[in-house]
């Protein structure tokens, strides 16, 4: 524990800018993963334990496309679409078989795919760590604000995640698809009785959740090392985010992700050996105060 270092950071404008930026990057990437996770839960009432593996696949898809094309834009698009297509296959052929069934069965199906995808990564890309490196376009001098250093790529990440988050909010809140999704989350039987193909709605929701995870993986790959099993750690953090924000709440996922990002960023200074514990402590405190999460609906 180093409270003096934390106090010094809190009164230093340069440290505040640097650590806040770092916390935002962590939080916004977590939001993309957690938003897909909470969207799937809110509509299908399924906790997709394989969601972290979707993030991992997005990172590897982006790495592969970038190696072959040299275009980071194509890498992002390819990763997002690739994971979305895989999510549809996963939902139609596997998860749809266990809807409304035993939660343990859902868990076993998801956990099986975690192991399968980890081995697929080892077979296709190898077991060693890989790194894409920073795309040439972002190899520019950093931006300085109040003495704090902000890499150009971080500004791109914040802008992209803000646009994606705004787009998701508009889609869910103001489009016909969003209205159908929200209705299916409340009463899927009534939606089906109105002549709407709920199977297609469920597959679309799973695809959207997978697309968000794939985008997160693609956006993170320039600054993260790639290795089989990398999806597990972000899965745990995503569950913490969804529990803090409230299961099924997109707004809650955003607030929870930013809180966790800030805790990780500033906690690494004041509590370098207890960063993981701080996240769980934050979750425990919020659950004691509001068991349904910050924006969750009371049962």
C-alpha atoms as a PDB file:
ATOM      1  CA  UNK A   1       0.000   0.000   0.000  1.00  0.00           C
ATOM      2  CA  UNK A   2       1.390   3.392  -1.014  1.00  0.00           C
ATOM      3  CA  UNK A   3      -1.100   6.069  -0.010  1.00  0.00           C
ATOM      4  CA  UNK A   4       1.551   8.802  -0.253  1.00  0.00           C
ATOM      5  CA  UNK A   5       2.100   8.053  -3.948  1.00  0.00           C
ATOM      6  CA  UNK A   6      -1.671   8.062  -4.512  1.00  0.00           C
ATOM      7  CA  UNK A   7      -2.053  11.383  -2.690  1.00  0.00           C
ATOM      8  CA  UNK A   8       0.790  12.897  -4.718  1.00  0.00           C
ATOM      9  CA  UNK A   9      -0.883  11.740  -7.914  1.00  0.00           C
ATOM     10  CA  UNK A  10      -4.238  13.248  -6.923  1.00  0.00           C
ATOM     11  CA  UNK A  11      -2.667  16.703  -6.500  1.00  0.00           C
ATOM     12  CA  UNK A  12      -0.566  16.461  -9.675  1.00  0.00           C
ATOM     13  CA  UNK A  13      -2.380  17.606 -12.859  1.00  0.00           C
ATOM     14  CA  UNK A  14      -0.081  15.572 -15.104  1.00  0.00           C
ATOM     15  CA  UNK A  15      -0.635  12.377 -13.090  1.00  0.00           C
ATOM     16  CA  UNK A  16      -4.379  12.990 -12.966  1.00  0.00           C
ATOM     17  CA  UNK A  17      -4.563  13.347 -16.744  1.00  0.00           C
ATOM     18  CA  UNK A  18      -2.417  10.259 -17.376  1.00  0.00           C
ATOM     19  CA  UNK A  19      -4.185   7.994 -14.880  1.00  0.00           C
ATOM     20  CA  UNK A  20      -7.667   9.198 -15.788  1.00  0.00           C
ATOM     21  CA  UNK A  21      -6.942   8.557 -19.455  1.00  0.00           C
ATOM     22  CA  UNK A  22      -5.648   5.092 -18.618  1.00  0.00           C
ATOM     23  CA  UNK A  23      -8.764   4.397 -16.540  1.00  0.00           C
ATOM     24  CA  UNK A  24     -11.018   5.561 -19.374  1.00  0.00           C
ATOM     25  CA  UNK A  25      -9.285   3.250 -21.861  1.00  0.00           C
ATOM     26  CA  UNK A  26      -9.675   0.267 -19.535  1.00  0.00           C
ATOM     27  CA  UNK A  27     -13.268   1.182 -18.757  1.00  0.00           C
ATOM     28  CA  UNK A  28     -14.403   1.851 -22.320  1.00  0.00           C
ATOM     29  CA  UNK A  29     -12.988  -1.432 -23.621  1.00  0.00           C
ATOM     30  CA  UNK A  30     -14.652  -3.217 -20.717  1.00  0.00           C
ATOM     31  CA  UNK A  31     -17.900  -1.454 -21.581  1.00  0.00           C
ATOM     32  CA  UNK A  32     -17.925  -2.888 -25.100  1.00  0.00           C
ATOM     33  CA  UNK A  33     -17.513  -6.422 -23.761  1.00  0.00           C
ATOM     34  CA  UNK A  34     -19.893  -5.962 -20.831  1.00  0.00           C
ATOM     35  CA  UNK A  35     -22.537  -4.266 -23.004  1.00  0.00           C
ATOM     36  CA  UNK A  36     -22.751  -7.351 -25.209  1.00  0.00           C
ATOM     37  CA  UNK A  37     -22.841  -9.597 -22.156  1.00  0.00           C
ATOM     38  CA  UNK A  38     -25.615  -7.646 -20.452  1.00  0.00           C
ATOM     39  CA  UNK A  39     -27.594  -7.274 -23.694  1.00  0.00           C
ATOM     40  CA  UNK A  40     -27.657 -11.048 -24.178  1.00  0.00           C
ATOM     41  CA  UNK A  41     -28.663 -11.572 -20.567  1.00  0.00           C
ATOM     42  CA  UNK A  42     -31.351  -8.894 -20.680  1.00  0.00           C
ATOM     43  CA  UNK A  43     -33.082 -10.380 -23.731  1.00  0.00           C
ATOM     44  CA  UNK A  44     -32.330 -14.105 -23.531  1.00  0.00           C
ATOM     45  CA  UNK A  45     -31.849 -14.438 -19.762  1.00  0.00           C
ATOM     46  CA  UNK A  46     -28.665 -16.366 -20.554  1.00  0.00           C
ATOM     47  CA  UNK A  47     -25.334 -15.610 -18.919  1.00  0.00           C
ATOM     48  CA  UNK A  48     -22.903 -16.184 -21.775  1.00  0.00           C
ATOM     49  CA  UNK A  49     -19.793 -17.440 -19.995  1.00  0.00           C
ATOM     50  CA  UNK A  50     -18.075 -17.818 -23.379  1.00  0.00           C
ATOM     51  CA  UNK A  51     -18.274 -14.070 -24.029  1.00  0.00           C
ATOM     52  CA  UNK A  52     -14.644 -13.504 -23.061  1.00  0.00           C
ATOM     53  CA  UNK A  53     -13.634 -15.995 -25.735  1.00  0.00           C
ATOM     54  CA  UNK A  54     -15.524 -13.878 -28.295  1.00  0.00           C
ATOM     55  CA  UNK A  55     -13.276 -10.981 -27.276  1.00  0.00           C
ATOM     56  CA  UNK A  56     -10.227 -13.209 -27.725  1.00  0.00           C
ATOM     57  CA  UNK A  57     -11.384 -14.323 -31.175  1.00  0.00           C
ATOM     58  CA  UNK A  58     -11.952 -10.702 -32.160  1.00  0.00           C
ATOM     59  CA  UNK A  59      -8.370  -9.894 -31.211  1.00  0.00           C
ATOM     60  CA  UNK A  60      -6.970 -12.816 -33.200  1.00  0.00           C
ATOM     61  CA  UNK A  61      -9.193 -12.088 -36.224  1.00  0.00           C
ATOM     62  CA  UNK A  62      -7.997  -8.480 -36.213  1.00  0.00           C
ATOM     63  CA  UNK A  63      -4.373  -9.597 -35.917  1.00  0.00           C
ATOM     64  CA  UNK A  64      -4.763 -11.970 -38.867  1.00  0.00           C
ATOM     65  CA  UNK A  65      -6.496  -9.450 -41.134  1.00  0.00           C
ATOM     66  CA  UNK A  66      -3.886  -6.815 -40.280  1.00  0.00           C
ATOM     67  CA  UNK A  67      -1.001  -9.195 -41.063  1.00  0.00           C
ATOM     68  CA  UNK A  68      -2.452  -9.976 -44.506  1.00  0.00           C
ATOM     69  CA  UNK A  69      -3.725  -6.515 -45.474  1.00  0.00           C
ATOM     70  CA  UNK A  70      -1.738  -4.013 -43.396  1.00  0.00           C
ATOM     71  CA  UNK A  71      -4.997  -2.107 -42.835  1.00  0.00           C
ATOM     72  CA  UNK A  72      -6.146  -1.588 -39.270  1.00  0.00           C
ATOM     73  CA  UNK A  73      -9.567  -0.367 -40.474  1.00  0.00           C
ATOM     74  CA  UNK A  74     -10.112  -3.655 -42.322  1.00  0.00           C
ATOM     75  CA  UNK A  75      -8.874  -5.508 -39.240  1.00  0.00           C
ATOM     76  CA  UNK A  76     -11.558  -3.856 -37.076  1.00  0.00           C
ATOM     77  CA  UNK A  77     -14.332  -4.552 -39.586  1.00  0.00           C
ATOM     78  CA  UNK A  78     -13.168  -8.120 -40.198  1.00  0.00           C
ATOM     79  CA  UNK A  79     -12.949  -8.900 -36.475  1.00  0.00           C
ATOM     80  CA  UNK A  80     -16.381  -7.454 -35.712  1.00  0.00           C
ATOM     81  CA  UNK A  81     -18.108  -9.274 -38.588  1.00  0.00           C
ATOM     82  CA  UNK A  82     -16.201 -12.512 -38.011  1.00  0.00           C
ATOM     83  CA  UNK A  83     -17.189 -12.721 -34.348  1.00  0.00           C
ATOM     84  CA  UNK A  84     -20.773 -11.698 -35.168  1.00  0.00           C
ATOM     85  CA  UNK A  85     -21.088 -14.565 -37.666  1.00  0.00           C
ATOM     86  CA  UNK A  86     -19.543 -16.994 -35.197  1.00  0.00           C
ATOM     87  CA  UNK A  87     -21.982 -15.780 -32.515  1.00  0.00           C
ATOM     88  CA  UNK A  88     -24.935 -16.576 -34.774  1.00  0.00           C
ATOM     89  CA  UNK A  89     -23.632 -20.105 -35.381  1.00  0.00           C
ATOM     90  CA  UNK A  90     -22.980 -20.565 -31.656  1.00  0.00           C
ATOM     91  CA  UNK A  91     -26.462 -19.342 -30.738  1.00  0.00           C
ATOM     92  CA  UNK A  92     -28.414 -21.225 -33.417  1.00  0.00           C
ATOM     93  CA  UNK A  93     -26.711 -24.598 -33.120  1.00  0.00           C
ATOM     94  CA  UNK A  94     -25.829 -24.723 -29.435  1.00  0.00           C
ATOM     95  CA  UNK A  95     -27.260 -22.093 -27.060  1.00  0.00           C
ATOM     96  CA  UNK A  96     -30.758 -22.226 -28.565  1.00  0.00           C
ATOM     97  CA  UNK A  97     -30.919 -25.855 -27.446  1.00  0.00           C
ATOM     98  CA  UNK A  98     -30.657 -24.903 -23.780  1.00  0.00           C
ATOM     99  CA  UNK A  99     -32.871 -21.796 -23.587  1.00  0.00           C
ATOM    100  CA  UNK A 100     -35.155 -21.993 -20.588  1.00  0.00           C
ATOM    101  CA  UNK A 101     -33.335 -25.074 -19.370  1.00  0.00           C
ATOM    102  CA  UNK A 102     -31.106 -25.809 -16.441  1.00  0.00           C
ATOM    103  CA  UNK A 103     -28.610 -23.010 -15.795  1.00  0.00           C
ATOM    104  CA  UNK A 104     -25.935 -25.635 -15.196  1.00  0.00           C
ATOM    105  CA  UNK A 105     -26.461 -26.947 -18.732  1.00  0.00           C
ATOM    106  CA  UNK A 106     -26.015 -23.434 -20.144  1.00  0.00           C
ATOM    107  CA  UNK A 107     -22.848 -23.062 -18.098  1.00  0.00           C
ATOM    108  CA  UNK A 108     -21.466 -26.379 -19.346  1.00  0.00           C
ATOM    109  CA  UNK A 109     -22.112 -25.476 -23.006  1.00  0.00           C
ATOM    110  CA  UNK A 110     -20.372 -22.116 -22.588  1.00  0.00           C
ATOM    111  CA  UNK A 111     -17.461 -23.564 -20.630  1.00  0.00           C
ATOM    112  CA  UNK A 112     -16.993 -26.261 -23.265  1.00  0.00           C
ATOM    113  CA  UNK A 113     -16.601 -23.561 -25.899  1.00  0.00           C
ATOM    114  CA  UNK A 114     -14.127 -21.674 -23.749  1.00  0.00           C
ATOM    115  CA  UNK A 115     -11.898 -24.759 -23.766  1.00  0.00           C
ATOM    116  CA  UNK A 116     -12.553 -25.471 -27.444  1.00  0.00           C
ATOM    117  CA  UNK A 117     -11.734 -21.934 -28.581  1.00  0.00           C
ATOM    118  CA  UNK A 118      -8.603 -21.796 -26.433  1.00  0.00           C
ATOM    119  CA  UNK A 119      -7.351 -24.962 -28.132  1.00  0.00           C
ATOM    120  CA  UNK A 120      -8.376 -23.677 -31.574  1.00  0.00           C
ATOM    121  CA  UNK A 121      -6.249 -20.587 -30.964  1.00  0.00           C
ATOM    122  CA  UNK A 122      -3.276 -22.760 -29.998  1.00  0.00           C
ATOM    123  CA  UNK A 123      -3.705 -24.904 -33.123  1.00  0.00           C
ATOM    124  CA  UNK A 124      -4.217 -22.044 -35.592  1.00  0.00           C
ATOM    125  CA  UNK A 125      -2.035 -19.267 -34.165  1.00  0.00           C
ATOM    126  CA  UNK A 126       0.257 -21.167 -31.797  1.00  0.00           C
ATOM    127  CA  UNK A 127       0.590 -21.136 -27.990  1.00  0.00           C
ATOM    128  CA  UNK A 128       3.171 -18.322 -27.816  1.00  0.00           C
ATOM    129  CA  UNK A 129       2.419 -14.655 -27.159  1.00  0.00           C
ATOM    130  CA  UNK A 130       1.810 -12.517 -30.240  1.00  0.00           C
ATOM    131  CA  UNK A 131       1.785  -8.768 -30.714  1.00  0.00           C
ATOM    132  CA  UNK A 132       0.383  -6.763 -33.607  1.00  0.00           C
ATOM    133  CA  UNK A 133       2.208  -3.587 -32.708  1.00  0.00           C
ATOM    134  CA  UNK A 134       0.960  -0.065 -33.225  1.00  0.00           C
ATOM    135  CA  UNK A 135      -0.389   0.688 -36.723  1.00  0.00           C
ATOM    136  CA  UNK A 136       1.756   3.180 -38.625  1.00  0.00           C
ATOM    137  CA  UNK A 137      -0.987   5.806 -38.728  1.00  0.00           C
ATOM    138  CA  UNK A 138      -0.942   6.139 -34.925  1.00  0.00           C
ATOM    139  CA  UNK A 139       2.828   6.393 -34.579  1.00  0.00           C
ATOM    140  CA  UNK A 140       2.666  10.118 -33.950  1.00  0.00           C
ATOM    141  CA  UNK A 141       3.821  12.387 -31.125  1.00  0.00           C
ATOM    142  CA  UNK A 142       1.502  12.158 -28.109  1.00  0.00           C
ATOM    143  CA  UNK A 143      -0.825  14.919 -26.983  1.00  0.00           C
ATOM    144  CA  UNK A 144       0.168  16.789 -23.819  1.00  0.00           C
ATOM    145  CA  UNK A 145      -2.563  18.104 -21.504  1.00  0.00           C
ATOM    146  CA  UNK A 146      -1.566  19.757 -18.218  1.00  0.00           C
ATOM    147  CA  UNK A 147       1.723  17.890 -18.431  1.00  0.00           C
ATOM    148  CA  UNK A 148      -0.007  14.549 -18.867  1.00  0.00           C
ATOM    149  CA  UNK A 149       0.867  12.353 -21.847  1.00  0.00           C
ATOM    150  CA  UNK A 150      -1.959  10.963 -23.993  1.00  0.00           C
ATOM    151  CA  UNK A 151      -0.967   8.726 -26.941  1.00  0.00           C
ATOM    152  CA  UNK A 152      -2.842   9.439 -30.176  1.00  0.00           C
ATOM    153  CA  UNK A 153      -4.153   5.884 -30.256  1.00  0.00           C
ATOM    154  CA  UNK A 154      -5.805   6.422 -26.856  1.00  0.00           C
ATOM    155  CA  UNK A 155      -7.725   9.388 -28.279  1.00  0.00           C
ATOM    156  CA  UNK A 156      -8.825   7.169 -31.173  1.00  0.00           C
ATOM    157  CA  UNK A 157      -9.959   4.466 -28.748  1.00  0.00           C
ATOM    158  CA  UNK A 158     -11.997   6.922 -26.697  1.00  0.00           C
ATOM    159  CA  UNK A 159     -13.610   8.387 -29.800  1.00  0.00           C
ATOM    160  CA  UNK A 160     -14.428   4.985 -31.298  1.00  0.00           C
ATOM    161  CA  UNK A 161     -15.917   3.555 -28.116  1.00  0.00           C
ATOM    162  CA  UNK A 162     -17.949   6.734 -27.594  1.00  0.00           C
ATOM    163  CA  UNK A 163     -19.354   6.439 -31.131  1.00  0.00           C
ATOM    164  CA  UNK A 164     -20.098   2.730 -30.699  1.00  0.00           C
ATOM    165  CA  UNK A 165     -21.770   3.341 -27.344  1.00  0.00           C
ATOM    166  CA  UNK A 166     -23.879   6.169 -28.789  1.00  0.00           C
ATOM    167  CA  UNK A 167     -24.823   3.988 -31.757  1.00  0.00           C
ATOM    168  CA  UNK A 168     -25.871   1.151 -29.449  1.00  0.00           C
ATOM    169  CA  UNK A 169     -27.971   3.557 -27.381  1.00  0.00           C
ATOM    170  CA  UNK A 170     -29.714   4.869 -30.510  1.00  0.00           C
ATOM    171  CA  UNK A 171     -30.319   1.370 -31.890  1.00  0.00           C
ATOM    172  CA  UNK A 172     -31.805  -0.010 -28.674  1.00  0.00           C
ATOM    173  CA  UNK A 173     -33.730   3.123 -27.759  1.00  0.00           C
ATOM    174  CA  UNK A 174     -35.015   4.565 -31.024  1.00  0.00           C
ATOM    175  CA  UNK A 175     -35.234   1.917 -33.771  1.00  0.00           C
ATOM    176  CA  UNK A 176     -37.883  -0.682 -34.520  1.00  0.00           C
ATOM    177  CA  UNK A 177     -35.306  -3.399 -33.887  1.00  0.00           C
ATOM    178  CA  UNK A 178     -34.593  -1.892 -30.489  1.00  0.00           C
ATOM    179  CA  UNK A 179     -38.285  -1.800 -29.614  1.00  0.00           C
ATOM    180  CA  UNK A 180     -38.669  -5.452 -30.605  1.00  0.00           C
ATOM    181  CA  UNK A 181     -35.596  -6.385 -28.557  1.00  0.00           C
ATOM    182  CA  UNK A 182     -36.921  -4.560 -25.495  1.00  0.00           C
ATOM    183  CA  UNK A 183     -40.325  -6.173 -25.934  1.00  0.00           C
ATOM    184  CA  UNK A 184     -38.765  -9.625 -26.309  1.00  0.00           C
ATOM    185  CA  UNK A 185     -36.828  -9.060 -23.098  1.00  0.00           C
ATOM    186  CA  UNK A 186     -40.108  -8.453 -21.220  1.00  0.00           C
ATOM    187  CA  UNK A 187     -42.518 -10.895 -22.904  1.00  0.00           C
ATOM    188  CA  UNK A 188     -41.116 -13.044 -25.740  1.00  0.00           C
ATOM    189  CA  UNK A 189     -44.359 -15.059 -25.971  1.00  0.00           C
ATOM    190  CA  UNK A 190     -46.375 -11.940 -26.794  1.00  0.00           C
ATOM    191  CA  UNK A 191     -43.787 -10.848 -29.365  1.00  0.00           C
ATOM    192  CA  UNK A 192     -44.037 -14.258 -31.014  1.00  0.00           C
ATOM    193  CA  UNK A 193     -47.855 -14.078 -30.956  1.00  0.00           C
ATOM    194  CA  UNK A 194     -47.655 -10.798 -32.893  1.00  0.00           C
ATOM    195  CA  UNK A 195     -45.993 -12.652 -35.770  1.00  0.00           C
ATOM    196  CA  UNK A 196     -42.394 -11.640 -35.062  1.00  0.00           C
ATOM    197  CA  UNK A 197     -39.774 -14.366 -35.483  1.00  0.00           C
ATOM    198  CA  UNK A 198     -38.306 -14.489 -31.979  1.00  0.00           C
ATOM    199  CA  UNK A 199     -35.649 -16.967 -33.100  1.00  0.00           C
ATOM    200  CA  UNK A 200     -34.347 -14.340 -35.522  1.00  0.00           C
ATOM    201  CA  UNK A 201     -34.489 -11.701 -32.781  1.00  0.00           C
ATOM    202  CA  UNK A 202     -32.505 -13.903 -30.394  1.00  0.00           C
ATOM    203  CA  UNK A 203     -29.902 -14.670 -33.065  1.00  0.00           C
ATOM    204  CA  UNK A 204     -29.625 -10.947 -33.879  1.00  0.00           C
ATOM    205  CA  UNK A 205     -29.105 -10.055 -30.223  1.00  0.00           C
ATOM    206  CA  UNK A 206     -26.404 -12.702 -29.887  1.00  0.00           C
ATOM    207  CA  UNK A 207     -24.774 -11.420 -33.087  1.00  0.00           C
ATOM    208  CA  UNK A 208     -24.835  -7.834 -31.772  1.00  0.00           C
ATOM    209  CA  UNK A 209     -23.308  -8.956 -28.477  1.00  0.00           C
ATOM    210  CA  UNK A 210     -20.604 -10.879 -30.325  1.00  0.00           C
ATOM    211  CA  UNK A 211     -19.954  -7.921 -32.622  1.00  0.00           C
ATOM    212  CA  UNK A 212     -19.347  -5.677 -29.606  1.00  0.00           C
ATOM    213  CA  UNK A 213     -16.935  -8.225 -28.088  1.00  0.00           C
ATOM    214  CA  UNK A 214     -15.153  -8.541 -31.442  1.00  0.00           C
ATOM    215  CA  UNK A 215     -14.835  -4.766 -31.688  1.00  0.00           C
ATOM    216  CA  UNK A 216     -13.365  -4.632 -28.191  1.00  0.00           C
ATOM    217  CA  UNK A 217     -10.799  -7.289 -29.098  1.00  0.00           C
ATOM    218  CA  UNK A 218      -9.878  -5.495 -32.325  1.00  0.00           C
ATOM    219  CA  UNK A 219      -9.518  -2.130 -30.609  1.00  0.00           C
ATOM    220  CA  UNK A 220      -7.392  -3.605 -27.827  1.00  0.00           C
ATOM    221  CA  UNK A 221      -5.016  -5.653 -29.980  1.00  0.00           C
ATOM    222  CA  UNK A 222      -2.489  -2.840 -30.726  1.00  0.00           C
ATOM    223  CA  UNK A 223      -1.887  -2.337 -26.994  1.00  0.00           C
ATOM    224  CA  UNK A 224      -2.411  -5.884 -25.667  1.00  0.00           C
ATOM    225  CA  UNK A 225      -0.470  -9.102 -26.112  1.00  0.00           C
ATOM    226  CA  UNK A 226      -2.376 -11.988 -27.661  1.00  0.00           C
ATOM    227  CA  UNK A 227      -2.344 -15.433 -26.087  1.00  0.00           C
ATOM    228  CA  UNK A 228      -4.709 -18.360 -25.709  1.00  0.00           C
ATOM    229  CA  UNK A 229      -6.887 -17.853 -22.646  1.00  0.00           C
ATOM    230  CA  UNK A 230      -6.739 -14.049 -22.748  1.00  0.00           C
ATOM    231  CA  UNK A 231     -10.534 -13.899 -22.728  1.00  0.00           C
ATOM    232  CA  UNK A 232     -10.847 -15.280 -19.202  1.00  0.00           C
ATOM    233  CA  UNK A 233      -9.523 -12.233 -17.349  1.00  0.00           C
ATOM    234  CA  UNK A 234     -11.734  -9.797 -19.250  1.00  0.00           C
ATOM    235  CA  UNK A 235     -14.691 -12.135 -18.716  1.00  0.00           C
ATOM    236  CA  UNK A 236     -14.256 -11.868 -14.941  1.00  0.00           C
ATOM    237  CA  UNK A 237     -13.947  -8.087 -15.144  1.00  0.00           C
ATOM    238  CA  UNK A 238     -16.988  -7.909 -17.423  1.00  0.00           C
ATOM    239  CA  UNK A 239     -19.060  -9.857 -14.901  1.00  0.00           C
ATOM    240  CA  UNK A 240     -17.933  -7.465 -12.178  1.00  0.00           C
ATOM    241  CA  UNK A 241     -19.016  -4.561 -14.404  1.00  0.00           C
ATOM    242  CA  UNK A 242     -22.440  -6.065 -15.132  1.00  0.00           C
ATOM    243  CA  UNK A 243     -23.044  -6.890 -11.478  1.00  0.00           C
ATOM    244  CA  UNK A 244     -22.048  -3.367 -10.403  1.00  0.00           C
ATOM    245  CA  UNK A 245     -24.155  -1.697 -13.087  1.00  0.00           C
ATOM    246  CA  UNK A 246     -27.073  -4.097 -12.843  1.00  0.00           C
ATOM    247  CA  UNK A 247     -27.705  -7.172 -14.978  1.00  0.00           C
ATOM    248  CA  UNK A 248     -29.458  -6.215 -18.216  1.00  0.00           C
ATOM    249  CA  UNK A 249     -28.717  -2.467 -18.027  1.00  0.00           C
ATOM    250  CA  UNK A 250     -26.618  -0.934 -20.823  1.00  0.00           C
ATOM    251  CA  UNK A 251     -26.304   2.359 -18.912  1.00  0.00           C
ATOM    252  CA  UNK A 252     -25.263   0.372 -15.855  1.00  0.00           C
ATOM    253  CA  UNK A 253     -22.622  -1.438 -17.915  1.00  0.00           C
ATOM    254  CA  UNK A 254     -21.161   1.926 -18.964  1.00  0.00           C
ATOM    255  CA  UNK A 255     -21.097   3.380 -15.437  1.00  0.00           C
ATOM    256  CA  UNK A 256     -19.770   0.143 -13.950  1.00  0.00           C
ATOM    257  CA  UNK A 257     -17.044  -0.115 -16.588  1.00  0.00           C
ATOM    258  CA  UNK A 258     -15.828   3.442 -15.960  1.00  0.00           C
ATOM    259  CA  UNK A 259     -15.802   2.827 -12.198  1.00  0.00           C
ATOM    260  CA  UNK A 260     -13.801  -0.381 -12.601  1.00  0.00           C
ATOM    261  CA  UNK A 261     -11.405   1.329 -15.033  1.00  0.00           C
ATOM    262  CA  UNK A 262     -10.721   4.138 -12.575  1.00  0.00           C
ATOM    263  CA  UNK A 263     -10.300   1.715  -9.678  1.00  0.00           C
ATOM    264  CA  UNK A 264      -7.748  -0.261 -11.697  1.00  0.00           C
ATOM    265  CA  UNK A 265      -5.882   2.845 -12.855  1.00  0.00           C
ATOM    266  CA  UNK A 266      -5.603   4.660  -9.536  1.00  0.00           C
ATOM    267  CA  UNK A 267      -5.483   1.459  -7.516  1.00  0.00           C
ATOM    268  CA  UNK A 268      -2.291   0.464  -9.332  1.00  0.00           C
ATOM    269  CA  UNK A 269      -0.632   3.472  -7.689  1.00  0.00           C
ATOM    270  CA  UNK A 270      -2.015   3.325  -4.167  1.00  0.00           C
ATOM    271  CA  UNK A 271      -2.601  -0.423  -3.853  1.00  0.00           C
ATOM    272  CA  UNK A 272      -0.343  -2.107  -6.426  1.00  0.00           C
ATOM    273  CA  UNK A 273      -0.668  -5.567  -4.811  1.00  0.00           C
ATOM    274  CA  UNK A 274      -4.424  -5.337  -4.275  1.00  0.00           C
ATOM    275  CA  UNK A 275      -5.789  -4.047  -7.590  1.00  0.00           C
ATOM    276  CA  UNK A 276      -7.863  -7.172  -8.313  1.00  0.00           C
ATOM    277  CA  UNK A 277      -9.147  -7.175  -4.751  1.00  0.00           C
ATOM    278  CA  UNK A 278     -10.239  -3.539  -5.071  1.00  0.00           C
ATOM    279  CA  UNK A 279     -12.570  -4.430  -7.948  1.00  0.00           C
ATOM    280  CA  UNK A 280     -14.234  -7.177  -5.934  1.00  0.00           C
ATOM    281  CA  UNK A 281     -14.392  -4.900  -2.890  1.00  0.00           C
ATOM    282  CA  UNK A 282     -16.140  -2.225  -4.965  1.00  0.00           C
ATOM    283  CA  UNK A 283     -18.609  -4.827  -6.212  1.00  0.00           C
ATOM    284  CA  UNK A 284     -19.269  -6.081  -2.676  1.00  0.00           C
ATOM    285  CA  UNK A 285     -19.898  -2.567  -1.327  1.00  0.00           C
ATOM    286  CA  UNK A 286     -22.347  -1.735  -4.126  1.00  0.00           C
ATOM    287  CA  UNK A 287     -24.195  -5.056  -3.674  1.00  0.00           C
ATOM    288  CA  UNK A 288     -24.551  -4.394   0.050  1.00  0.00           C
ATOM    289  CA  UNK A 289     -26.012  -0.944  -0.669  1.00  0.00           C
ATOM    290  CA  UNK A 290     -28.104  -2.000  -3.708  1.00  0.00           C
ATOM    291  CA  UNK A 291     -28.258  -5.767  -4.318  1.00  0.00           C
ATOM    292  CA  UNK A 292     -29.619  -5.361  -7.866  1.00  0.00           C
ATOM    293  CA  UNK A 293     -26.711  -3.138  -8.929  1.00  0.00           C
ATOM    294  CA  UNK A 294     -26.662   0.604  -9.581  1.00  0.00           C
ATOM    295  CA  UNK A 295     -29.168   0.524 -12.451  1.00  0.00           C
ATOM    296  CA  UNK A 296     -30.628  -2.956 -12.057  1.00  0.00           C
ATOM    297  CA  UNK A 297     -34.314  -3.553 -11.480  1.00  0.00           C
ATOM    298  CA  UNK A 298     -35.354  -4.885  -8.116  1.00  0.00           C
ATOM    299  CA  UNK A 299     -36.623  -8.468  -8.274  1.00  0.00           C
END
